[in-house]
Amino acid sequence: MGWLTVKHNGNILEDLKNTMIGKGYSIVAHNKKGDFIYTAIKNEKTGKVFGYVFLVFIEDEEISFKEIDESCGPLSYGASKKVINALSPTTDKTALNWRKKCLFSLKKFEKCTFKQSVGCEGEDKEYKDFIYLGRNLFKPIGEDFSIRIKDWKDYIF
């Protein structure tokens, strides 16, 4: 997948619509975060709405786009709830995993409850309630230590 570069008209969303969204499709929801635009794109013929992530690069008077759809597993998880909620139901595991990761963006020191318990090495006790300390570091509520949970997003849902 390469880049598509066109003359920039000053409006990123208009450039995106005019360049990357074909006839018979429309953007029903979007948000921009950093260099990424997260979109819910509707196929007007079928009514199906799917997620697309566009990487945007602007230089001088040109704008470049690179896209990836949710079924390819974008590694950027900044889609808003509005975008995710606009998407049609799917059974595609990659798309579902991407949606799940977009919906869960913890803030530091926020309390969270995992759906499944997490045990600590060398202890018999398991935990579900944590304070998020950043990256993959969590403090079990009521304890004086923190633990690293490698694939913590898999425990949330």
Foldseek 3Di string as FASTA:
>chain_A
DDKDKDFAPPDPVVCCCVPPPDPQKDWPDWDDDPQKIWTFMARNVVRATFIKIWGWDDDDRMIMIDMDTQLVQDPDQQTDPVRLVSGDDDPRPSSVVSSLSNHDDDDAQDKAFFPDWDDDPPDPDTAGIWGHHDDQWTDGPPDDDIDGDPPVSVRRD
